[in-house]
Structure formats: C-alpha cells, structure tokens
Amino acid sequence: MGSVDIDKHNTLYLIVYKDIIERIFSGDKTIEYREDTKYWFRRLHNRKYQYLRITNGYGNETRPYILMHYNPIGLVKRQDNKFYYAIHCDKSKWIEYREKYKGEITKC
C-alpha cells in the first residue's frame, strides 16, 4: 500500500486502555464502542473520516497503536439499554500497527 495521508480532519483518534488494545490485537475484539453523548455526537455524527487510529494511552509516537480504514457501523443499542456508536476495528481494516511500546511498525 502507498503512503497514507492522515491528519486531524480525516482521522478519528481513539485512546484505549492496554487490555482493550490487547483484545483488538488478538482479534477477540472487533468492534469499538463509544457511548452516545453530546461529546461523541459532535465527533462522530455526519463526519467523513477516512482513517481510525486506536492508541494505547496518550503521548508520543512510541505507543502501541493500530491505524486502519474507518468503517462505522452506526448507533447500536447494547445490553445496558444505552445507545453506542459502533466502529469496526477488525484486522481486515488495518493499514499498520505497533504492538509493543517502542516496537517496530508493521505494515499490513
């Protein structure tokens, strides 16, 4: 794949805990959810993102992350009767990733 032109306008950035990103890396977690709040409505509703970058924690470019094609599912109702924005994060969407802190970047 050629160069990917990511920026704050075409990329949705999500920060997740270590256990969540490990479940995504393992393939156990294929959908990431964000509760339907005013904050997530502003960030997700009617937005035309091309890419999704999921990062384990805040900080610099040494963190584990996954860069993938953005593929939203939309609003879904979960077991707690609340609505959530659902976004695919399965491996078929991945462009590149770094699995370990300060590790090598792997292209998909």
PDB file of N, CA and C in Angstrom:
ATOM      1  N   MET A   1       0.843  -1.181   0.000  1.00  0.00           N
ATOM      2  CA  MET A   1       0.000   0.000   0.000  1.00  0.00           C
ATOM      3  C   MET A   1       0.880   1.233   0.000  1.00  0.00           C
ATOM      4  N   GLY A   2       0.451   2.281  -0.680  1.00  0.00           N
ATOM      5  CA  GLY A   2       1.205   3.522  -0.753  1.00  0.00           C
ATOM      6  C   GLY A   2       1.120   4.305   0.542  1.00  0.00           C
ATOM      7  N   SER A   3       1.638   5.506   0.494  1.00  0.00           N
ATOM      8  CA  SER A   3       1.652   6.387   1.643  1.00  0.00           C
ATOM      9  C   SER A   3       0.228   6.762   2.049  1.00  0.00           C
ATOM     10  N   VAL A   4      -0.003   6.830   3.347  1.00  0.00           N
ATOM     11  CA  VAL A   4      -1.304   7.191   3.880  1.00  0.00           C
ATOM     12  C   VAL A   4      -1.209   8.617   4.399  1.00  0.00           C
ATOM     13  N   ASP A   5      -2.101   9.486   3.951  1.00  0.00           N
ATOM     14  CA  ASP A   5      -2.090  10.890   4.338  1.00  0.00           C
ATOM     15  C   ASP A   5      -3.100  11.114   5.461  1.00  0.00           C
ATOM     16  N   ILE A   6      -2.654  10.929   6.712  1.00  0.00           N
ATOM     17  CA  ILE A   6      -3.558  11.115   7.835  1.00  0.00           C
ATOM     18  C   ILE A   6      -3.363  12.503   8.430  1.00  0.00           C
ATOM     19  N   ASP A   7      -4.457  13.088   8.857  1.00  0.00           N
ATOM     20  CA  ASP A   7      -4.412  14.349   9.578  1.00  0.00           C
ATOM     21  C   ASP A   7      -5.632  14.427  10.483  1.00  0.00           C
ATOM     22  N   LYS A   8      -5.725  15.499  11.256  1.00  0.00           N
ATOM     23  CA  LYS A   8      -6.809  15.599  12.237  1.00  0.00           C
ATOM     24  C   LYS A   8      -8.188  15.727  11.600  1.00  0.00           C
ATOM     25  N   HIS A   9      -8.258  16.046  10.312  1.00  0.00           N
ATOM     26  CA  HIS A   9      -9.543  16.205   9.646  1.00  0.00           C
ATOM     27  C   HIS A   9     -10.074  14.899   9.053  1.00  0.00           C
ATOM     28  N   ASN A  10      -9.188  13.989   8.690  1.00  0.00           N
ATOM     29  CA  ASN A  10      -9.656  12.755   8.056  1.00  0.00           C
ATOM     30  C   ASN A  10      -9.448  11.520   8.923  1.00  0.00           C
ATOM     31  N   THR A  11      -8.970  11.717  10.158  1.00  0.00           N
ATOM     32  CA  THR A  11      -8.654  10.588  11.036  1.00  0.00           C
ATOM     33  C   THR A  11      -9.326  10.756  12.386  1.00  0.00           C
ATOM     34  N   LEU A  12     -10.028   9.722  12.823  1.00  0.00           N
ATOM     35  CA  LEU A  12     -10.605   9.684  14.161  1.00  0.00           C
ATOM     36  C   LEU A  12      -9.585   9.026  15.080  1.00  0.00           C
ATOM     37  N   TYR A  13      -9.237   9.704  16.167  1.00  0.00           N
ATOM     38  CA  TYR A  13      -8.282   9.189  17.136  1.00  0.00           C
ATOM     39  C   TYR A  13      -9.041   8.713  18.364  1.00  0.00           C
ATOM     40  N   LEU A  14      -8.816   7.455  18.737  1.00  0.00           N
ATOM     41  CA  LEU A  14      -9.414   6.885  19.941  1.00  0.00           C
ATOM     42  C   LEU A  14      -8.310   6.392  20.856  1.00  0.00           C
ATOM     43  N   ILE A  15      -8.423   6.727  22.128  1.00  0.00           N
ATOM     44  CA  ILE A  15      -7.469   6.273  23.142  1.00  0.00           C
ATOM     45  C   ILE A  15      -8.143   5.152  23.925  1.00  0.00           C
ATOM     46  N   VAL A  16      -7.426   4.041  24.111  1.00  0.00           N
ATOM     47  CA  VAL A  16      -7.980   2.901  24.843  1.00  0.00           C
ATOM     48  C   VAL A  16      -6.964   2.401  25.871  1.00  0.00           C
ATOM     49  N   TYR A  17      -7.479   1.674  26.860  1.00  0.00           N
ATOM     50  CA  TYR A  17      -6.629   1.040  27.872  1.00  0.00           C
ATOM     51  C   TYR A  17      -5.856  -0.128  27.260  1.00  0.00           C
ATOM     52  N   LYS A  18      -4.824  -0.546  27.960  1.00  0.00           N
ATOM     53  CA  LYS A  18      -3.956  -1.628  27.480  1.00  0.00           C
ATOM     54  C   LYS A  18      -4.734  -2.918  27.229  1.00  0.00           C
ATOM     55  N   ASP A  19      -5.631  -3.284  28.144  1.00  0.00           N
ATOM     56  CA  ASP A  19      -6.370  -4.541  27.961  1.00  0.00           C
ATOM     57  C   ASP A  19      -7.267  -4.497  26.722  1.00  0.00           C
ATOM     58  N   ILE A  20      -7.777  -3.339  26.397  1.00  0.00           N
ATOM     59  CA  ILE A  20      -8.633  -3.212  25.203  1.00  0.00           C
ATOM     60  C   ILE A  20      -7.808  -3.378  23.931  1.00  0.00           C
ATOM     61  N   ILE A  21      -6.676  -2.677  23.846  1.00  0.00           N
ATOM     62  CA  ILE A  21      -5.872  -2.791  22.617  1.00  0.00           C
ATOM     63  C   ILE A  21      -5.310  -4.205  22.477  1.00  0.00           C
ATOM     64  N   GLU A  22      -5.004  -4.874  23.582  1.00  0.00           N
ATOM     65  CA  GLU A  22      -4.537  -6.266  23.502  1.00  0.00           C
ATOM     66  C   GLU A  22      -5.635  -7.177  22.951  1.00  0.00           C
ATOM     67  N   ARG A  23      -6.889  -6.919  23.320  1.00  0.00           N
ATOM     68  CA  ARG A  23      -8.012  -7.709  22.793  1.00  0.00           C
ATOM     69  C   ARG A  23      -8.219  -7.441  21.300  1.00  0.00           C
ATOM     70  N   ILE A  24      -7.967  -6.202  20.871  1.00  0.00           N
ATOM     71  CA  ILE A  24      -8.060  -5.888  19.441  1.00  0.00           C
ATOM     72  C   ILE A  24      -6.930  -6.583  18.689  1.00  0.00           C
ATOM     73  N   PHE A  25      -5.697  -6.512  19.226  1.00  0.00           N
ATOM     74  CA  PHE A  25      -4.565  -7.194  18.592  1.00  0.00           C
ATOM     75  C   PHE A  25      -4.810  -8.690  18.462  1.00  0.00           C
ATOM     76  N   SER A  26      -5.398  -9.303  19.477  1.00  0.00           N
ATOM     77  CA  SER A  26      -5.632 -10.750  19.449  1.00  0.00           C
ATOM     78  C   SER A  26      -6.770 -11.146  18.509  1.00  0.00           C
ATOM     79  N   GLY A  27      -7.591 -10.180  18.114  1.00  0.00           N
ATOM     80  CA  GLY A  27      -8.746 -10.479  17.270  1.00  0.00           C
ATOM     81  C   GLY A  27     -10.005 -10.776  18.057  1.00  0.00           C
ATOM     82  N   ASP A  28      -9.906 -10.765  19.399  1.00  0.00           N
ATOM     83  CA  ASP A  28     -11.052 -11.042  20.257  1.00  0.00           C
ATOM     84  C   ASP A  28     -12.075  -9.900  20.214  1.00  0.00           C
ATOM     85  N   LYS A  29     -11.605  -8.682  20.048  1.00  0.00           N
ATOM     86  CA  LYS A  29     -12.476  -7.507  19.997  1.00  0.00           C
ATOM     87  C   LYS A  29     -12.428  -6.946  18.575  1.00  0.00           C
ATOM     88  N   THR A  30     -13.565  -6.903  17.907  1.00  0.00           N
ATOM     89  CA  THR A  30     -13.615  -6.449  16.515  1.00  0.00           C
ATOM     90  C   THR A  30     -14.469  -5.197  16.324  1.00  0.00           C
ATOM     91  N   ILE A  31     -15.090  -4.730  17.405  1.00  0.00           N
ATOM     92  CA  ILE A  31     -15.894  -3.514  17.359  1.00  0.00           C
ATOM     93  C   ILE A  31     -15.543  -2.667  18.579  1.00  0.00           C
ATOM     94  N   GLU A  32     -15.304  -1.388  18.337  1.00  0.00           N
ATOM     95  CA  GLU A  32     -15.057  -0.449  19.431  1.00  0.00           C
ATOM     96  C   GLU A  32     -16.306   0.415  19.575  1.00  0.00           C
ATOM     97  N   TYR A  33     -16.692   0.686  20.831  1.00  0.00           N
ATOM     98  CA  TYR A  33     -17.912   1.428  21.118  1.00  0.00           C
ATOM     99  C   TYR A  33     -17.587   2.728  21.847  1.00  0.00           C
ATOM    100  N   ARG A  34     -18.405   3.738  21.566  1.00  0.00           N
ATOM    101  CA  ARG A  34     -18.371   4.998  22.299  1.00  0.00           C
ATOM    102  C   ARG A  34     -19.816   5.369  22.618  1.00  0.00           C
ATOM    103  N   GLU A  35     -20.075   5.687  23.894  1.00  0.00           N
ATOM    104  CA  GLU A  35     -21.430   5.988  24.328  1.00  0.00           C
ATOM    105  C   GLU A  35     -21.986   7.211  23.597  1.00  0.00           C
ATOM    106  N   ASP A  36     -23.266   7.185  23.314  1.00  0.00           N
ATOM    107  CA  ASP A  36     -23.941   8.282  22.618  1.00  0.00           C
ATOM    108  C   ASP A  36     -24.122   9.453  23.587  1.00  0.00           C
ATOM    109  N   THR A  37     -23.090  10.286  23.647  1.00  0.00           N
ATOM    110  CA  THR A  37     -23.121  11.500  24.458  1.00  0.00           C
ATOM    111  C   THR A  37     -22.990  12.705  23.525  1.00  0.00           C
ATOM    112  N   LYS A  38     -23.181  13.901  24.053  1.00  0.00           N
ATOM    113  CA  LYS A  38     -23.002  15.106  23.234  1.00  0.00           C
ATOM    114  C   LYS A  38     -21.592  15.178  22.664  1.00  0.00           C
ATOM    115  N   TYR A  39     -20.607  14.795  23.487  1.00  0.00           N
ATOM    116  CA  TYR A  39     -19.220  14.827  23.025  1.00  0.00           C
ATOM    117  C   TYR A  39     -19.026  13.925  21.813  1.00  0.00           C
ATOM    118  N   TRP A  40     -19.447  12.658  21.895  1.00  0.00           N
ATOM    119  CA  TRP A  40     -19.239  11.724  20.792  1.00  0.00           C
ATOM    120  C   TRP A  40     -20.151  12.028  19.616  1.00  0.00           C
ATOM    121  N   PHE A  41     -21.323  12.602  19.875  1.00  0.00           N
ATOM    122  CA  PHE A  41     -22.182  13.032  18.777  1.00  0.00           C
ATOM    123  C   PHE A  41     -21.450  14.063  17.917  1.00  0.00           C
ATOM    124  N   ARG A  42     -20.832  15.077  18.556  1.00  0.00           N
ATOM    125  CA  ARG A  42     -20.094  16.105  17.811  1.00  0.00           C
ATOM    126  C   ARG A  42     -18.927  15.510  17.034  1.00  0.00           C
ATOM    127  N   ARG A  43     -18.266  14.518  17.599  1.00  0.00           N
ATOM    128  CA  ARG A  43     -17.090  13.936  16.948  1.00  0.00           C
ATOM    129  C   ARG A  43     -17.432  12.912  15.871  1.00  0.00           C
ATOM    130  N   LEU A  44     -18.612  12.284  15.960  1.00  0.00           N
ATOM    131  CA  LEU A  44     -18.898  11.167  15.065  1.00  0.00           C
ATOM    132  C   LEU A  44     -20.069  11.379  14.112  1.00  0.00           C
ATOM    133  N   HIS A  45     -21.062  12.141  14.498  1.00  0.00           N
ATOM    134  CA  HIS A  45     -22.271  12.268  13.690  1.00  0.00           C
ATOM    135  C   HIS A  45     -21.997  13.055  12.407  1.00  0.00           C
ATOM    136  N   ASN A  46     -22.339  12.431  11.281  1.00  0.00           N
ATOM    137  CA  ASN A  46     -22.172  13.042   9.952  1.00  0.00           C
ATOM    138  C   ASN A  46     -20.732  13.462   9.646  1.00  0.00           C
ATOM    139  N   ARG A  47     -19.764  12.755  10.178  1.00  0.00           N
ATOM    140  CA  ARG A  47     -18.352  13.031   9.883  1.00  0.00           C
ATOM    141  C   ARG A  47     -17.867  12.059   8.823  1.00  0.00           C
ATOM    142  N   LYS A  48     -16.959  12.500   8.002  1.00  0.00           N
ATOM    143  CA  LYS A  48     -16.451  11.702   6.884  1.00  0.00           C
ATOM    144  C   LYS A  48     -14.980  11.333   7.111  1.00  0.00           C
ATOM    145  N   TYR A  49     -14.707  10.606   8.168  1.00  0.00           N
ATOM    146  CA  TYR A  49     -13.339  10.160   8.422  1.00  0.00           C
ATOM    147  C   TYR A  49     -12.934   9.110   7.393  1.00  0.00           C
ATOM    148  N   GLN A  50     -11.655   9.083   7.053  1.00  0.00           N
ATOM    149  CA  GLN A  50     -11.115   8.026   6.201  1.00  0.00           C
ATOM    150  C   GLN A  50     -10.406   6.973   7.037  1.00  0.00           C
ATOM    151  N   TYR A  51      -9.810   7.411   8.155  1.00  0.00           N
ATOM    152  CA  TYR A  51      -8.969   6.526   8.959  1.00  0.00           C
ATOM    153  C   TYR A  51      -9.366   6.575  10.427  1.00  0.00           C
ATOM    154  N   LEU A  52      -9.018   5.507  11.112  1.00  0.00           N
ATOM    155  CA  LEU A  52      -9.189   5.381  12.555  1.00  0.00           C
ATOM    156  C   LEU A  52      -7.836   5.002  13.137  1.00  0.00           C
ATOM    157  N   ARG A  53      -7.409   5.720  14.150  1.00  0.00           N
ATOM    158  CA  ARG A  53      -6.164   5.384  14.843  1.00  0.00           C
ATOM    159  C   ARG A  53      -6.516   5.119  16.301  1.00  0.00           C
ATOM    160  N   ILE A  54      -6.327   3.884  16.723  1.00  0.00           N
ATOM    161  CA  ILE A  54      -6.551   3.482  18.111  1.00  0.00           C
ATOM    162  C   ILE A  54      -5.185   3.398  18.770  1.00  0.00           C
ATOM    163  N   THR A  55      -5.024   4.116  19.874  1.00  0.00           N
ATOM    164  CA  THR A  55      -3.742   4.176  20.573  1.00  0.00           C
ATOM    165  C   THR A  55      -3.932   3.768  22.017  1.00  0.00           C
ATOM    166  N   ASN A  56      -2.942   3.055  22.555  1.00  0.00           N
ATOM    167  CA  ASN A  56      -2.945   2.689  23.967  1.00  0.00           C
ATOM    168  C   ASN A  56      -2.332   3.843  24.761  1.00  0.00           C
ATOM    169  N   GLY A  57      -3.177   4.676  25.300  1.00  0.00           N
ATOM    170  CA  GLY A  57      -2.731   5.792  26.126  1.00  0.00           C
ATOM    171  C   GLY A  57      -2.383   7.024  25.317  1.00  0.00           C
ATOM    172  N   TYR A  58      -2.150   8.091  26.044  1.00  0.00           N
ATOM    173  CA  TYR A  58      -1.780   9.363  25.441  1.00  0.00           C
ATOM    174  C   TYR A  58      -0.274   9.442  25.332  1.00  0.00           C
ATOM    175  N   GLY A  59       0.198  10.337  24.487  1.00  0.00           N
ATOM    176  CA  GLY A  59       1.623  10.565  24.472  1.00  0.00           C
ATOM    177  C   GLY A  59       2.227  10.523  23.096  1.00  0.00           C
ATOM    178  N   ASN A  60       3.456  10.106  23.090  1.00  0.00           N
ATOM    179  CA  ASN A  60       4.285  10.252  21.899  1.00  0.00           C
ATOM    180  C   ASN A  60       4.125   9.107  20.908  1.00  0.00           C
ATOM    181  N   GLU A  61       4.984   9.117  19.938  1.00  0.00           N
ATOM    182  CA  GLU A  61       4.935   8.155  18.829  1.00  0.00           C
ATOM    183  C   GLU A  61       5.534   6.786  19.157  1.00  0.00           C
ATOM    184  N   THR A  62       5.774   6.505  20.420  1.00  0.00           N
ATOM    185  CA  THR A  62       6.319   5.194  20.788  1.00  0.00           C
ATOM    186  C   THR A  62       5.236   4.246  21.303  1.00  0.00           C
ATOM    187  N   ARG A  63       4.029   4.733  21.437  1.00  0.00           N
ATOM    188  CA  ARG A  63       2.924   3.946  21.993  1.00  0.00           C
ATOM    189  C   ARG A  63       2.414   2.884  21.022  1.00  0.00           C
ATOM    190  N   PRO A  64       1.879   1.771  21.565  1.00  0.00           N
ATOM    191  CA  PRO A  64       1.188   0.807  20.700  1.00  0.00           C
ATOM    192  C   PRO A  64      -0.024   1.472  20.038  1.00  0.00           C
ATOM    193  N   TYR A  65      -0.246   1.168  18.772  1.00  0.00           N
ATOM    194  CA  TYR A  65      -1.374   1.743  18.054  1.00  0.00           C
ATOM    195  C   TYR A  65      -1.758   0.846  16.890  1.00  0.00           C
ATOM    196  N   ILE A  66      -2.937   1.131  16.342  1.00  0.00           N
ATOM    197  CA  ILE A  66      -3.403   0.497  15.118  1.00  0.00           C
ATOM    198  C   ILE A  66      -3.981   1.604  14.245  1.00  0.00           C
ATOM    199  N   LEU A  67      -3.523   1.686  13.023  1.00  0.00           N
ATOM    200  CA  LEU A  67      -4.096   2.607  12.040  1.00  0.00           C
ATOM    201  C   LEU A  67      -4.882   1.765  11.055  1.00  0.00           C
ATOM    202  N   MET A  68      -6.124   2.148  10.822  1.00  0.00           N
ATOM    203  CA  MET A  68      -6.983   1.349   9.953  1.00  0.00           C
ATOM    204  C   MET A  68      -7.922   2.241   9.157  1.00  0.00           C
ATOM    205  N   HIS A  69      -8.581   1.650   8.188  1.00  0.00           N
ATOM    206  CA  HIS A  69      -9.622   2.344   7.450  1.00  0.00           C
ATOM    207  C   HIS A  69     -10.834   2.488   8.357  1.00  0.00           C
ATOM    208  N   TYR A  70     -11.413   3.668   8.362  1.00  0.00           N
ATOM    209  CA  TYR A  70     -12.576   3.957   9.197  1.00  0.00           C
ATOM    210  C   TYR A  70     -13.810   3.297   8.592  1.00  0.00           C
ATOM    211  N   ASN A  71     -14.496   2.493   9.394  1.00  0.00           N
ATOM    212  CA  ASN A  71     -15.673   1.774   8.929  1.00  0.00           C
ATOM    213  C   ASN A  71     -16.721   1.772  10.046  1.00  0.00           C
ATOM    214  N   PRO A  72     -17.519   2.845  10.130  1.00  0.00           N
ATOM    215  CA  PRO A  72     -18.508   2.925  11.204  1.00  0.00           C
ATOM    216  C   PRO A  72     -19.693   1.999  10.955  1.00  0.00           C
ATOM    217  N   ILE A  73     -20.257   1.524  12.024  1.00  0.00           N
ATOM    218  CA  ILE A  73     -21.473   0.714  11.968  1.00  0.00           C
ATOM    219  C   ILE A  73     -22.682   1.619  12.194  1.00  0.00           C
ATOM    220  N   GLY A  74     -22.557   2.569  13.117  1.00  0.00           N
ATOM    221  CA  GLY A  74     -23.654   3.473  13.468  1.00  0.00           C
ATOM    222  C   GLY A  74     -24.047   3.286  14.910  1.00  0.00           C
ATOM    223  N   LEU A  75     -25.208   3.788  15.261  1.00  0.00           N
ATOM    224  CA  LEU A  75     -25.701   3.658  16.632  1.00  0.00           C
ATOM    225  C   LEU A  75     -26.309   2.279  16.845  1.00  0.00           C
ATOM    226  N   VAL A  76     -25.943   1.665  17.957  1.00  0.00           N
ATOM    227  CA  VAL A  76     -26.494   0.367  18.327  1.00  0.00           C
ATOM    228  C   VAL A  76     -26.906   0.415  19.798  1.00  0.00           C
ATOM    229  N   LYS A  77     -27.930  -0.356  20.117  1.00  0.00           N
ATOM    230  CA  LYS A  77     -28.379  -0.462  21.500  1.00  0.00           C
ATOM    231  C   LYS A  77     -27.735  -1.696  22.103  1.00  0.00           C
ATOM    232  N   ARG A  78     -27.108  -1.522  23.255  1.00  0.00           N
ATOM    233  CA  ARG A  78     -26.416  -2.640  23.901  1.00  0.00           C
ATOM    234  C   ARG A  78     -27.227  -3.178  25.074  1.00  0.00           C
ATOM    235  N   GLN A  79     -26.668  -4.161  25.763  1.00  0.00           N
ATOM    236  CA  GLN A  79     -27.382  -4.845  26.851  1.00  0.00           C
ATOM    237  C   GLN A  79     -27.832  -3.907  27.963  1.00  0.00           C
ATOM    238  N   ASP A  80     -27.104  -2.800  28.184  1.00  0.00           N
ATOM    239  CA  ASP A  80     -27.474  -1.876  29.251  1.00  0.00           C
ATOM    240  C   ASP A  80     -28.576  -0.898  28.835  1.00  0.00           C
ATOM    241  N   ASN A  81     -29.177  -1.128  27.650  1.00  0.00           N
ATOM    242  CA  ASN A  81     -30.257  -0.302  27.098  1.00  0.00           C
ATOM    243  C   ASN A  81     -29.813   1.113  26.743  1.00  0.00           C
ATOM    244  N   LYS A  82     -28.520   1.343  26.634  1.00  0.00           N
ATOM    245  CA  LYS A  82     -27.994   2.628  26.180  1.00  0.00           C
ATOM    246  C   LYS A  82     -27.561   2.473  24.728  1.00  0.00           C
ATOM    247  N   PHE A  83     -27.502   3.605  24.035  1.00  0.00           N
ATOM    248  CA  PHE A  83     -27.037   3.599  22.657  1.00  0.00           C
ATOM    249  C   PHE A  83     -25.555   3.956  22.599  1.00  0.00           C
ATOM    250  N   TYR A  84     -24.866   3.293  21.655  1.00  0.00           N
ATOM    251  CA  TYR A  84     -23.427   3.484  21.476  1.00  0.00           C
ATOM    252  C   TYR A  84     -23.119   3.609  19.991  1.00  0.00           C
ATOM    253  N   TYR A  85     -22.108   4.413  19.681  1.00  0.00           N
ATOM    254  CA  TYR A  85     -21.560   4.425  18.332  1.00  0.00           C
ATOM    255  C   TYR A  85     -20.639   3.214  18.217  1.00  0.00           C
ATOM    256  N   ALA A  86     -20.836   2.421  17.187  1.00  0.00           N
ATOM    257  CA  ALA A  86     -20.041   1.215  16.976  1.00  0.00           C
ATOM    258  C   ALA A  86     -19.168   1.406  15.745  1.00  0.00           C
ATOM    259  N   ILE A  87     -17.897   0.997  15.857  1.00  0.00           N
ATOM    260  CA  ILE A  87     -16.932   1.157  14.774  1.00  0.00           C
ATOM    261  C   ILE A  87     -16.166  -0.156  14.608  1.00  0.00           C
ATOM    262  N   HIS A  88     -16.120  -0.662  13.379  1.00  0.00           N
ATOM    263  CA  HIS A  88     -15.337  -1.869  13.105  1.00  0.00           C
ATOM    264  C   HIS A  88     -13.858  -1.611  13.395  1.00  0.00           C
ATOM    265  N   CYS A  89     -13.203  -2.580  14.022  1.00  0.00           N
ATOM    266  CA  CYS A  89     -11.751  -2.499  14.225  1.00  0.00           C
ATOM    267  C   CYS A  89     -11.090  -3.856  13.966  1.00  0.00           C
ATOM    268  N   ASP A  90     -11.738  -4.674  13.153  1.00  0.00           N
ATOM    269  CA  ASP A  90     -11.184  -5.992  12.850  1.00  0.00           C
ATOM    270  C   ASP A  90      -9.977  -5.874  11.924  1.00  0.00           C
ATOM    271  N   LYS A  91      -9.171  -6.903  11.906  1.00  0.00           N
ATOM    272  CA  LYS A  91      -7.887  -6.889  11.199  1.00  0.00           C
ATOM    273  C   LYS A  91      -8.008  -6.656   9.694  1.00  0.00           C
ATOM    274  N   SER A  92      -9.144  -6.919   9.110  1.00  0.00           N
ATOM    275  CA  SER A  92      -9.295  -6.694   7.671  1.00  0.00           C
ATOM    276  C   SER A  92      -9.232  -5.214   7.313  1.00  0.00           C
ATOM    277  N   LYS A  93      -9.384  -4.330   8.285  1.00  0.00           N
ATOM    278  CA  LYS A  93      -9.367  -2.885   8.060  1.00  0.00           C
ATOM    279  C   LYS A  93      -7.998  -2.262   8.332  1.00  0.00           C
ATOM    280  N   TRP A  94      -7.067  -3.021   8.911  1.00  0.00           N
ATOM    281  CA  TRP A  94      -5.789  -2.468   9.370  1.00  0.00           C
ATOM    282  C   TRP A  94      -4.891  -2.044   8.220  1.00  0.00           C
ATOM    283  N   ILE A  95      -4.155  -0.948   8.433  1.00  0.00           N
ATOM    284  CA  ILE A  95      -3.156  -0.450   7.498  1.00  0.00           C
ATOM    285  C   ILE A  95      -1.757  -0.692   8.061  1.00  0.00           C
ATOM    286  N   GLU A  96      -1.577  -0.364   9.345  1.00  0.00           N
ATOM    287  CA  GLU A  96      -0.303  -0.604  10.032  1.00  0.00           C
ATOM    288  C   GLU A  96      -0.552  -0.612  11.532  1.00  0.00           C
ATOM    289  N   TYR A  97       0.439  -1.127  12.270  1.00  0.00           N
ATOM    290  CA  TYR A  97       0.298  -1.158  13.728  1.00  0.00           C
ATOM    291  C   TYR A  97       1.657  -1.281  14.397  1.00  0.00           C
ATOM    292  N   ARG A  98       1.677  -0.916  15.673  1.00  0.00           N
ATOM    293  CA  ARG A  98       2.829  -1.164  16.546  1.00  0.00           C
ATOM    294  C   ARG A  98       2.253  -1.844  17.785  1.00  0.00           C
ATOM    295  N   GLU A  99       2.638  -3.079  18.001  1.00  0.00           N
ATOM    296  CA  GLU A  99       2.036  -3.868  19.079  1.00  0.00           C
ATOM    297  C   GLU A  99       2.670  -3.622  20.443  1.00  0.00           C
ATOM    298  N   LYS A 100       3.926  -3.291  20.484  1.00  0.00           N
ATOM    299  CA  LYS A 100       4.645  -3.102  21.753  1.00  0.00           C
ATOM    300  C   LYS A 100       5.181  -1.680  21.866  1.00  0.00           C
ATOM    301  N   TYR A 101       5.312  -1.204  23.077  1.00  0.00           N
ATOM    302  CA  TYR A 101       5.904   0.102  23.359  1.00  0.00           C
ATOM    303  C   TYR A 101       7.296   0.173  22.741  1.00  0.00           C
ATOM    304  N   LYS A 102       7.541   1.186  21.938  1.00  0.00           N
ATOM    305  CA  LYS A 102       8.798   1.405  21.214  1.00  0.00           C
ATOM    306  C   LYS A 102       9.109   0.297  20.211  1.00  0.00           C
ATOM    307  N   GLY A 103       8.097  -0.506  19.858  1.00  0.00           N
ATOM    308  CA  GLY A 103       8.303  -1.611  18.921  1.00  0.00           C
ATOM    309  C   GLY A 103       8.334  -1.138  17.478  1.00  0.00           C
ATOM    310  N   GLU A 104       8.545  -2.093  16.612  1.00  0.00           N
ATOM    311  CA  GLU A 104       8.587  -1.827  15.169  1.00  0.00           C
ATOM    312  C   GLU A 104       7.171  -1.625  14.632  1.00  0.00           C
ATOM    313  N   ILE A 105       7.053  -0.814  13.597  1.00  0.00           N
ATOM    314  CA  ILE A 105       5.784  -0.616  12.917  1.00  0.00           C
ATOM    315  C   ILE A 105       5.655  -1.694  11.842  1.00  0.00           C
ATOM    316  N   THR A 106       4.514  -2.373  11.848  1.00  0.00           N
ATOM    317  CA  THR A 106       4.241  -3.422  10.870  1.00  0.00           C
ATOM    318  C   THR A 106       3.196  -2.917   9.903  1.00  0.00           C
ATOM    319  N   LYS A 107       3.474  -3.011   8.606  1.00  0.00           N
ATOM    320  CA  LYS A 107       2.516  -2.645   7.568  1.00  0.00           C
ATOM    321  C   LYS A 107       1.663  -3.857   7.226  1.00  0.00           C
ATOM    322  N   CYS A 108       0.414  -3.614   6.937  1.00  0.00           N
ATOM    323  CA  CYS A 108      -0.499  -4.716   6.608  1.00  0.00           C
ATOM    324  C   CYS A 108      -0.737  -4.810   5.115  1.00  0.00           C
TER     325      CYS A 108
END
